[in-house]
Amino acid sequence: MSAELPQQTGLNTLDYNVPGLAGDEVRGADGEIKPHWAYLLDSLKSITPEALDERQQKAMRLLRDDGASYNVYTDDINPARIWGLDLVPNIIGSDEWGDIESGLLERAELLNLLLRDLYGPRQLIRTGVIPPEGLFAHRGFLRACHGIKMPGDHELIVHAVDMIRREDGSMLVLSDRTQAPSGMGYALENRTVMSRVFPSLFRDSHVHRLAAFFQQLRAKLISLCPHQSRPRIAVLTPGPRNETYFEHAYLANYLGFYLVQSDDLVVRNGFLWMKSLDGLNRVDVLLRRVDDWFCDPVELRSDSRLGVAGLLDVVRSGNLVVANPLGSGVLENPVLMKYLPAISKALLGRELRLPSVETWWCGERKDREYVLTHLEQLVVKPTFRMTGQFAVSGAHATKEPLAELKARIEAEPMQYIAQPLLPSRYLPTLKDQSLQPRPAILRSYAIAGTGS
């Protein structure tokens, strides 16, 4: 007699389940696995727990070797943490992505036109589409940037959108990121690691490549240079202690740009110069990863050590291009989301394909009254993101914090907005050799083209 060896079984994907199928990205409303998820889950079944653990260790090793980290300011002992990468990707079908992509490009074009109007003629305010208080009360609006125009047709070069899927399957925009959107470098690192950990799965899934996206970013920045034959482009970083410093260095290396901090730069004779052992070299374009207010201690925030004195004056004179432009942080003002449907009709002549989450602005009396009487059902957010200020979910707050929040809203109503508490959408994640559901938000990016 011969004894049979016990069969090694792979990951049991059948155990994956989300309470309430409406919030599940893997299964449809009928409970069946969506076609574009089927191949991934079938592939995971064939991988033994030991092999899966080896691949997780390989992914961690690759991330560590690449220096992929996310710095945490509050952790004095170990501020640099290895970037967390889950081996189960978020899968979106090509047809669906085509619809999302069209909506992203349309939204980016709208915000581009909006940015040009806010720092130009301000027709939207003159015609009453946007209340003046909604713009001028926001700290992201920089009066010093009025009249500054980027070369070409685009003011907004990089645009990021955070989205969530609604119960009917459509996407809903939660927020726009327009100052110095982070995450592109981490997405590229994720793809690189995944292609080495699951080479066959990655190849057979016909994943859309990211190279064209970064090639377009590089080409767009070069097109902004007055001397395109010898462009000098630099990535301005706050420095190694910034939480996403890895991404700054990674992108600079990948795109072939210089990585600089404020101490590496100086303004002389109306130009921005980069210090080097050979002397001073003129900088044509600055891809900034420093927030607006900190970029120029002369005209913006005087206590900033992250910017360059006189930078804004160089931009104003046309001798330097900064991407995204200084002042673009005003587009992150959530008050604008309330008026975005009307803005879209005024500037594009149509409604947006990607709608925004419903927003109430406490600067308007009716909205404020609604918010104050429905605090337990809403999420209240400050209109300007600052350290130490957080969104408050009324459903999860106790009586005393809600009373304090109500008092703050009544004292400074223009500084707060409210949005509904949305149900979470769940994606499978790998934990303890099993698939477990976790809530997820999708961040996507758009890059301005070199043409119109």
Protein backbone atom coordinates (compact mmCIF):
# COMPACT_ATOMS: atom_id res chain seq x y z
CA MET A 1 0.00 0.00 0.00
CA SER A 2 1.13 3.52 -0.67
CA ALA A 3 0.09 6.51 1.33
CA GLU A 4 -1.11 9.57 -0.57
CA LEU A 5 0.45 12.88 0.30
CA PRO A 6 -2.07 15.38 1.64
CA GLN A 7 -3.00 17.94 -1.01
CA GLN A 8 -1.99 21.51 -0.34
CA THR A 9 -4.87 23.86 -0.88
CA GLY A 10 -4.61 27.49 -1.84
CA LEU A 11 -6.39 30.52 -0.50
CA ASN A 12 -10.06 29.79 0.13
CA THR A 13 -11.68 32.65 -1.74
CA LEU A 14 -15.14 31.18 -1.21
CA ASP A 15 -15.02 32.26 2.43
CA TYR A 16 -14.81 35.91 1.44
CA ASN A 17 -18.06 37.62 2.27
CA VAL A 18 -19.24 41.15 2.98
CA PRO A 19 -22.27 41.76 5.19
CA GLY A 20 -24.72 43.48 2.88
CA LEU A 21 -23.84 42.76 -0.73
CA ALA A 22 -24.56 46.35 -1.80
CA GLY A 23 -21.19 47.41 -0.42
CA ASP A 24 -19.12 44.67 -2.05
CA GLU A 25 -16.79 45.45 -4.97
CA VAL A 26 -16.25 41.77 -5.79
CA ARG A 27 -19.82 40.54 -6.08
CA GLY A 28 -22.72 42.09 -7.90
CA ALA A 29 -26.20 42.68 -6.53
CA ASP A 30 -27.08 39.08 -7.46
CA GLY A 31 -24.29 37.74 -5.24
CA GLU A 32 -22.25 36.45 -8.17
CA ILE A 33 -18.56 37.28 -8.54
CA LYS A 34 -18.00 39.98 -11.15
CA PRO A 35 -16.24 38.66 -14.29
CA HIS A 36 -13.12 40.83 -13.98
CA TRP A 37 -12.58 39.57 -10.41
CA ALA A 38 -13.01 35.89 -11.26
CA TYR A 39 -9.54 35.34 -12.77
CA LEU A 40 -7.77 36.90 -9.79
CA LEU A 41 -9.70 34.88 -7.22
CA ASP A 42 -9.22 31.66 -9.19
CA SER A 43 -5.49 32.34 -9.35
CA LEU A 44 -5.28 32.91 -5.60
CA LYS A 45 -6.92 29.53 -5.02
CA SER A 46 -3.94 27.80 -6.65
CA ILE A 47 -1.36 29.41 -4.37
CA THR A 48 -0.54 27.47 -1.21
CA PRO A 49 -0.36 29.34 2.12
CA GLU A 50 3.40 28.78 2.20
CA ALA A 51 3.87 30.21 -1.29
CA LEU A 52 1.62 33.13 -0.48
CA ASP A 53 3.63 33.90 2.62
CA GLU A 54 6.83 33.81 0.56
CA ARG A 55 5.35 36.33 -1.87
CA GLN A 56 4.32 38.61 0.95
CA GLN A 57 7.84 38.48 2.33
CA LYS A 58 9.24 39.20 -1.14
CA ALA A 59 6.98 42.23 -1.49
CA MET A 60 8.11 43.55 1.89
CA ARG A 61 11.74 42.99 0.94
CA LEU A 62 11.34 44.84 -2.37
CA LEU A 63 9.62 47.77 -0.66
CA ARG A 64 12.32 47.91 2.00
CA ASP A 65 15.13 47.72 -0.57
CA ASP A 66 13.53 50.53 -2.58
CA GLY A 67 13.22 52.64 0.55
CA ALA A 68 9.44 52.88 0.11
CA SER A 69 8.20 54.47 3.31
CA TYR A 70 5.50 56.67 4.72
CA ASN A 71 6.75 58.92 7.50
CA VAL A 72 4.62 59.43 10.59
CA TYR A 73 5.22 62.71 12.39
CA THR A 74 3.73 61.52 15.67
CA ASP A 75 6.06 58.53 15.97
CA ASP A 76 9.37 59.78 17.37
CA ILE A 77 10.84 56.28 17.74
CA ASN A 78 10.20 54.95 14.23
CA PRO A 79 8.89 57.79 12.03
CA ALA A 80 9.75 56.07 8.72
CA ARG A 81 7.46 53.09 8.19
CA ILE A 82 7.67 50.71 5.26
CA TRP A 83 4.91 51.40 2.78
CA GLY A 84 2.00 49.00 3.26
CA LEU A 85 1.07 47.10 0.10
CA ASP A 86 -1.80 44.62 0.04
CA LEU A 87 -1.29 41.82 -2.48
CA VAL A 88 -4.94 41.89 -3.56
CA PRO A 89 -5.35 44.76 -6.04
CA ASN A 90 -8.44 46.78 -6.77
CA ILE A 91 -9.66 45.65 -10.19
CA ILE A 92 -11.70 47.86 -12.50
CA GLY A 93 -12.85 46.58 -15.89
CA SER A 94 -11.68 48.38 -19.03
CA ASP A 95 -15.17 49.44 -20.10
CA GLU A 96 -15.99 50.86 -16.69
CA TRP A 97 -12.63 52.59 -16.48
CA GLY A 98 -13.30 54.24 -19.83
CA ASP A 99 -16.40 55.88 -18.36
CA ILE A 100 -14.55 56.92 -15.20
CA GLU A 101 -11.65 58.29 -17.24
CA SER A 102 -13.99 60.45 -19.33
CA GLY A 103 -15.49 61.85 -16.16
CA LEU A 104 -12.06 62.55 -14.67
CA LEU A 105 -10.87 64.42 -17.75
CA GLU A 106 -14.07 66.46 -17.86
CA ARG A 107 -13.75 67.36 -14.18
CA ALA A 108 -10.09 68.33 -14.61
CA GLU A 109 -11.01 70.60 -17.51
CA LEU A 110 -13.75 72.23 -15.45
CA LEU A 111 -11.41 72.91 -12.52
CA ASN A 112 -8.83 74.25 -14.96
CA LEU A 113 -11.35 76.79 -16.27
CA LEU A 114 -12.50 77.55 -12.74
CA LEU A 115 -8.95 78.24 -11.55
CA ARG A 116 -8.37 80.60 -14.46
CA ASP A 117 -11.57 82.49 -13.64
CA LEU A 118 -10.92 82.76 -9.89
CA TYR A 119 -7.53 84.39 -10.43
CA GLY A 120 -8.69 86.30 -13.49
CA PRO A 121 -12.00 88.00 -14.35
CA ARG A 122 -14.04 86.23 -11.61
CA GLN A 123 -17.10 86.13 -13.82
CA LEU A 124 -18.61 83.38 -11.69
CA ILE A 125 -18.70 85.77 -8.75
CA ARG A 126 -19.92 88.70 -10.85
CA THR A 127 -22.83 86.62 -12.16
CA GLY A 128 -23.70 85.18 -8.75
CA VAL A 129 -22.80 81.56 -9.50
CA ILE A 130 -20.38 81.56 -6.54
CA PRO A 131 -20.98 83.77 -3.48
CA PRO A 132 -17.93 85.99 -2.86
CA GLU A 133 -17.70 84.83 0.75
CA GLY A 134 -17.27 81.26 -0.44
CA LEU A 135 -14.07 82.28 -2.19
CA PHE A 136 -12.56 85.13 -0.19
CA ALA A 137 -13.17 83.53 3.23
CA HIS A 138 -11.11 80.49 2.23
CA ARG A 139 -7.44 80.59 3.20
CA GLY A 140 -6.48 78.76 0.04
CA PHE A 141 -7.30 81.83 -2.05
CA LEU A 142 -4.05 83.77 -2.47
CA ARG A 143 -4.65 87.37 -3.51
CA ALA A 144 -0.98 87.71 -4.39
CA CYS A 145 -1.52 85.24 -7.26
CA HIS A 146 -4.16 87.31 -9.05
CA GLY A 147 -3.40 87.70 -12.74
CA ILE A 148 -0.65 85.08 -12.88
CA LYS A 149 -1.17 82.82 -15.90
CA MET A 150 0.52 79.60 -16.89
CA PRO A 151 1.87 79.28 -20.44
CA GLY A 152 -0.43 77.32 -22.72
CA ASP A 153 -4.05 76.31 -22.22
CA HIS A 154 -3.78 74.65 -18.84
CA GLU A 155 -3.51 76.18 -15.39
CA LEU A 156 -4.01 72.86 -13.63
CA ILE A 157 -1.31 70.32 -14.52
CA VAL A 158 -1.96 67.50 -12.02
CA HIS A 159 -5.40 66.76 -10.62
CA ALA A 160 -6.34 63.99 -8.18
CA VAL A 161 -9.84 62.86 -7.24
CA ASP A 162 -10.98 60.72 -4.31
CA MET A 163 -14.03 58.65 -5.20
CA ILE A 164 -16.35 56.06 -3.74
CA ARG A 165 -18.83 53.80 -5.48
CA ARG A 166 -22.52 54.33 -4.78
CA GLU A 167 -25.04 51.55 -4.30
CA ASP A 168 -26.19 51.83 -7.92
CA GLY A 169 -22.61 51.19 -9.08
CA SER A 170 -21.80 54.74 -10.20
CA MET A 171 -18.86 56.73 -8.83
CA LEU A 172 -19.21 59.70 -6.50
CA VAL A 173 -16.47 62.29 -5.95
CA LEU A 174 -15.58 62.93 -2.32
CA SER A 175 -12.83 65.51 -2.80
CA ASP A 176 -10.40 67.10 -5.26
CA ARG A 177 -6.66 67.43 -4.68
CA THR A 178 -5.05 70.24 -6.65
CA GLN A 179 -2.12 71.67 -4.67
CA ALA A 180 0.47 68.92 -4.71
CA PRO A 181 -1.50 65.67 -5.06
CA SER A 182 0.34 62.75 -3.50
CA GLY A 183 0.15 59.06 -4.34
CA MET A 184 1.34 58.84 -7.96
CA GLY A 185 4.77 57.60 -6.96
CA TYR A 186 3.32 55.05 -4.56
CA ALA A 187 1.01 53.77 -7.31
CA LEU A 188 4.03 53.28 -9.57
CA GLU A 189 5.96 51.50 -6.83
CA ASN A 190 2.95 49.28 -6.14
CA ARG A 191 2.79 48.27 -9.80
CA THR A 192 6.52 47.59 -9.94
CA VAL A 193 6.45 45.36 -6.88
CA MET A 194 3.29 43.51 -7.94
CA SER A 195 4.75 42.77 -11.37
CA ARG A 196 7.68 41.03 -9.67
CA VAL A 197 5.66 39.23 -7.00
CA PHE A 198 2.91 37.99 -9.36
CA PRO A 199 4.53 38.18 -12.83
CA SER A 200 2.18 35.69 -14.53
CA LEU A 201 -0.96 37.10 -12.94
CA PHE A 202 0.12 40.62 -13.81
CA ARG A 203 0.89 39.67 -17.43
CA ASP A 204 -2.21 37.57 -18.08
CA SER A 205 -4.58 40.19 -16.65
CA HIS A 206 -3.62 42.68 -19.40
CA VAL A 207 -3.19 45.47 -16.88
CA HIS A 208 -3.15 48.98 -18.32
CA ARG A 209 0.38 50.34 -18.06
CA LEU A 210 1.30 53.47 -16.13
CA ALA A 211 4.32 54.44 -18.24
CA ALA A 212 2.26 56.55 -20.66
CA PHE A 213 0.85 58.56 -17.76
CA PHE A 214 4.29 59.52 -16.48
CA GLN A 215 5.59 60.13 -19.99
CA GLN A 216 2.78 62.62 -20.48
CA LEU A 217 3.59 64.31 -17.18
CA ARG A 218 7.23 64.65 -18.18
CA ALA A 219 6.35 65.92 -21.65
CA LYS A 220 3.90 68.46 -20.24
CA LEU A 221 6.44 69.88 -17.80
CA ILE A 222 9.08 70.10 -20.53
CA SER A 223 6.60 71.92 -22.78
CA LEU A 224 6.29 74.62 -20.12
CA CYS A 225 10.02 75.41 -20.32
CA PRO A 226 10.99 78.49 -22.35
CA HIS A 227 14.13 76.61 -23.49
CA GLN A 228 12.82 73.15 -24.33
CA SER A 229 16.11 72.05 -25.88
CA ARG A 230 17.81 72.24 -22.49
CA PRO A 231 15.07 72.23 -19.86
CA ARG A 232 15.98 72.22 -16.21
CA ILE A 233 13.14 70.92 -14.07
CA ALA A 234 13.27 70.30 -10.33
CA VAL A 235 10.99 68.68 -7.76
CA LEU A 236 10.66 70.87 -4.67
CA THR A 237 10.31 68.77 -1.52
CA PRO A 238 9.88 69.86 2.12
CA GLY A 239 12.62 67.37 2.98
CA PRO A 240 13.20 63.89 4.41
CA ARG A 241 10.88 64.41 7.36
CA ASN A 242 7.85 64.91 5.13
CA GLU A 243 5.48 61.94 5.24
CA THR A 244 5.68 61.29 1.48
CA TYR A 245 9.36 62.11 0.96
CA PHE A 246 9.99 58.70 -0.61
CA GLU A 247 7.57 59.60 -3.38
CA HIS A 248 9.29 62.93 -4.03
CA ALA A 249 12.66 61.24 -4.47
CA TYR A 250 11.17 58.34 -6.42
CA LEU A 251 9.36 60.58 -8.92
CA ALA A 252 12.36 62.86 -9.38
CA ASN A 253 14.54 59.88 -10.19
CA TYR A 254 11.95 58.22 -12.45
CA LEU A 255 11.23 61.40 -14.42
CA GLY A 256 14.87 62.43 -14.61
CA PHE A 257 14.42 65.69 -12.65
CA TYR A 258 16.45 67.28 -9.88
CA LEU A 259 15.27 66.84 -6.28
CA VAL A 260 15.70 70.06 -4.31
CA GLN A 261 14.84 71.63 -0.98
CA SER A 262 14.52 75.31 -0.20
CA ASP A 263 18.19 75.58 0.86
CA ASP A 264 19.24 74.36 -2.60
CA LEU A 265 17.54 77.31 -4.31
CA VAL A 266 18.04 81.06 -4.46
CA VAL A 267 16.41 83.96 -6.32
CA ARG A 268 18.76 86.34 -8.10
CA ASN A 269 18.23 88.89 -10.87
CA GLY A 270 14.62 87.85 -11.34
CA PHE A 271 15.34 84.14 -11.85
CA LEU A 272 15.35 81.00 -9.71
CA TRP A 273 18.73 79.31 -9.42
CA MET A 274 19.83 75.92 -8.13
CA LYS A 275 23.08 75.75 -6.21
CA SER A 276 25.67 73.22 -7.34
CA LEU A 277 29.41 72.59 -7.13
CA ASP A 278 29.73 74.25 -10.54
CA GLY A 279 27.92 77.38 -9.40
CA LEU A 280 24.33 78.46 -10.01
CA ASN A 281 22.09 76.80 -12.59
CA ARG A 282 18.82 78.35 -13.68
CA VAL A 283 15.60 76.42 -12.97
CA ASP A 284 12.83 76.64 -15.58
CA VAL A 285 10.03 74.58 -14.02
CA LEU A 286 9.36 73.61 -10.42
CA LEU A 287 7.15 70.61 -9.69
CA ARG A 288 6.27 71.46 -6.13
CA ARG A 289 5.41 69.16 -3.26
CA VAL A 290 5.17 72.07 -0.84
CA ASP A 291 1.80 73.61 0.00
CA ASP A 292 0.97 77.08 -1.33
CA TRP A 293 1.39 79.08 1.84
CA PHE A 294 4.88 77.76 2.55
CA CYS A 295 6.43 78.42 -0.88
CA ASP A 296 7.47 82.06 -0.38
CA PRO A 297 8.25 83.54 3.06
CA VAL A 298 8.28 87.06 1.60
CA GLU A 299 4.76 87.26 0.16
CA LEU A 300 2.97 84.31 1.75
CA ARG A 301 3.87 82.78 5.12
CA SER A 302 6.73 84.65 6.74
CA ASP A 303 7.72 81.87 9.15
CA SER A 304 8.10 79.24 6.41
CA ARG A 305 11.48 77.55 6.02
CA LEU A 306 10.23 75.29 3.22
CA GLY A 307 10.00 77.90 0.47
CA VAL A 308 12.24 80.34 -1.36
CA ALA A 309 12.23 84.07 -0.67
CA GLY A 310 11.07 85.94 -3.76
CA LEU A 311 9.73 82.84 -5.54
CA LEU A 312 6.32 84.35 -6.28
CA ASP A 313 7.87 87.43 -7.86
CA VAL A 314 9.88 85.22 -10.24
CA VAL A 315 6.68 83.40 -11.21
CA ARG A 316 4.86 86.70 -11.67
CA SER A 317 7.58 87.96 -14.02
CA GLY A 318 7.24 84.86 -16.21
CA ASN A 319 10.74 83.56 -15.54
CA LEU A 320 9.59 80.41 -13.74
CA VAL A 321 6.69 77.99 -14.03
CA VAL A 322 5.42 76.26 -10.89
CA ALA A 323 3.19 73.20 -11.18
CA ASN A 324 0.64 73.06 -9.84
CA PRO A 325 0.46 76.87 -9.85
CA LEU A 326 0.62 78.75 -6.58
CA GLY A 327 -2.93 79.42 -5.42
CA SER A 328 -4.37 76.21 -6.86
CA GLY A 329 -5.14 75.05 -3.33
CA VAL A 330 -8.31 77.15 -3.52
CA LEU A 331 -9.84 74.40 -5.68
CA GLU A 332 -9.67 72.08 -2.66
CA ASN A 333 -12.21 74.35 -0.98
CA PRO A 334 -15.14 71.96 -0.31
CA VAL A 335 -17.54 74.92 -0.47
CA LEU A 336 -17.07 74.84 -4.24
CA MET A 337 -18.55 71.33 -4.37
CA LYS A 338 -21.93 72.78 -3.43
CA TYR A 339 -21.85 75.08 -6.44
CA LEU A 340 -20.04 72.78 -8.88
CA PRO A 341 -23.20 71.77 -10.80
CA ALA A 342 -23.96 75.44 -11.50
CA ILE A 343 -20.29 76.13 -12.26
CA SER A 344 -20.26 73.26 -14.77
CA LYS A 345 -23.33 74.59 -16.55
CA ALA A 346 -21.79 78.08 -16.67
CA LEU A 347 -18.36 77.01 -17.95
CA LEU A 348 -19.04 73.77 -19.85
CA GLY A 349 -22.72 74.11 -20.64
CA ARG A 350 -23.57 70.69 -19.20
CA GLU A 351 -23.74 68.64 -16.03
CA LEU A 352 -20.70 66.69 -14.86
CA ARG A 353 -20.46 62.98 -15.60
CA LEU A 354 -18.88 62.43 -12.17
CA PRO A 355 -21.14 64.04 -9.56
CA SER A 356 -19.87 65.31 -6.21
CA VAL A 357 -21.08 64.31 -2.79
CA GLU A 358 -23.94 66.49 -1.56
CA THR A 359 -22.51 69.40 0.42
CA TRP A 360 -24.03 71.96 2.79
CA TRP A 361 -22.09 75.14 3.52
CA CYS A 362 -22.71 76.65 6.92
CA GLY A 363 -22.00 80.11 5.49
CA GLU A 364 -25.50 80.02 4.02
CA ARG A 365 -28.30 80.42 6.54
CA LYS A 366 -30.56 77.63 5.24
CA ASP A 367 -27.67 75.20 5.01
CA ARG A 368 -26.47 76.14 8.49
CA GLU A 369 -29.92 75.58 9.99
CA TYR A 370 -30.14 72.18 8.32
CA VAL A 371 -26.68 71.16 9.53
CA LEU A 372 -27.30 72.24 13.13
CA THR A 373 -30.54 70.26 13.29
CA HIS A 374 -29.11 67.14 11.62
CA LEU A 375 -25.62 66.93 13.12
CA GLU A 376 -26.09 63.28 14.12
CA GLN A 377 -26.59 62.31 10.46
CA LEU A 378 -23.74 64.30 8.91
CA VAL A 379 -19.97 64.53 8.68
CA VAL A 380 -18.77 68.07 9.43
CA LYS A 381 -15.47 69.24 7.95
CA PRO A 382 -13.44 72.46 8.10
CA THR A 383 -13.27 74.24 4.75
CA PHE A 384 -9.48 74.57 5.03
CA ARG A 385 -7.36 71.58 6.03
CA MET A 386 -4.95 72.39 8.86
CA THR A 387 -2.92 70.35 11.32
CA GLY A 388 -5.08 69.39 14.29
CA GLN A 389 -8.40 69.90 12.50
CA PHE A 390 -10.39 66.82 11.59
CA ALA A 391 -13.75 65.85 10.21
CA VAL A 392 -16.36 64.98 12.85
CA SER A 393 -18.91 62.25 12.25
CA GLY A 394 -22.06 63.15 14.12
CA ALA A 395 -23.18 59.53 14.24
CA HIS A 396 -20.06 58.54 16.20
CA ALA A 397 -19.68 61.61 18.42
CA THR A 398 -20.94 61.88 21.99
CA LYS A 399 -23.15 64.66 23.29
CA GLU A 400 -20.38 66.93 24.59
CA PRO A 401 -18.24 66.99 21.40
CA LEU A 402 -21.38 67.65 19.35
CA ALA A 403 -22.22 70.63 21.55
CA GLU A 404 -18.69 71.98 21.10
CA LEU A 405 -18.92 71.48 17.34
CA LYS A 406 -22.24 73.31 17.24
CA ALA A 407 -20.70 76.24 19.10
CA ARG A 408 -17.77 76.40 16.65
CA ILE A 409 -20.12 76.37 13.68
CA GLU A 410 -22.21 79.18 15.14
CA ALA A 411 -19.08 81.22 15.88
CA GLU A 412 -17.44 80.73 12.45
CA PRO A 413 -20.09 79.38 10.08
CA MET A 414 -18.13 80.12 6.90
CA GLN A 415 -15.34 77.78 7.99
CA TYR A 416 -17.45 74.59 7.99
CA ILE A 417 -19.26 72.36 5.54
CA ALA A 418 -21.23 69.17 6.07
CA GLN A 419 -21.75 66.08 3.97
CA PRO A 420 -23.82 62.92 4.42
CA LEU A 421 -22.33 59.86 6.07
CA LEU A 422 -21.92 57.51 3.12
CA PRO A 423 -22.02 53.72 3.35
CA SER A 424 -18.64 52.09 2.87
CA ARG A 425 -17.65 50.04 -0.15
CA TYR A 426 -15.51 47.00 0.60
CA LEU A 427 -12.53 45.46 -1.13
CA PRO A 428 -10.87 42.14 -0.27
CA THR A 429 -7.55 42.39 1.54
CA LEU A 430 -5.13 39.64 2.48
CA LYS A 431 -4.79 39.11 6.21
CA ASP A 432 -3.92 35.99 8.21
CA GLN A 433 -3.99 33.80 5.09
CA SER A 434 -7.56 34.78 4.27
CA LEU A 435 -9.47 37.43 2.36
CA GLN A 436 -11.09 39.99 4.61
CA PRO A 437 -13.23 42.98 3.59
CA ARG A 438 -11.97 46.49 4.25
CA PRO A 439 -13.55 49.85 3.33
CA ALA A 440 -11.79 51.56 0.44
CA ILE A 441 -11.61 54.87 -1.42
CA LEU A 442 -10.26 55.17 -4.96
CA ARG A 443 -7.84 57.99 -5.81
CA SER A 444 -7.25 58.65 -9.51
CA TYR A 445 -5.15 61.21 -11.37
CA ALA A 446 -5.36 63.30 -14.51
CA ILE A 447 -2.50 65.05 -16.30
CA ALA A 448 -2.90 68.02 -18.63
CA GLY A 449 -1.96 67.20 -22.22
CA THR A 450 0.74 68.95 -24.21
CA GLY A 451 -1.91 70.12 -26.66
CA SER A 452 -5.23 71.81 -26.00
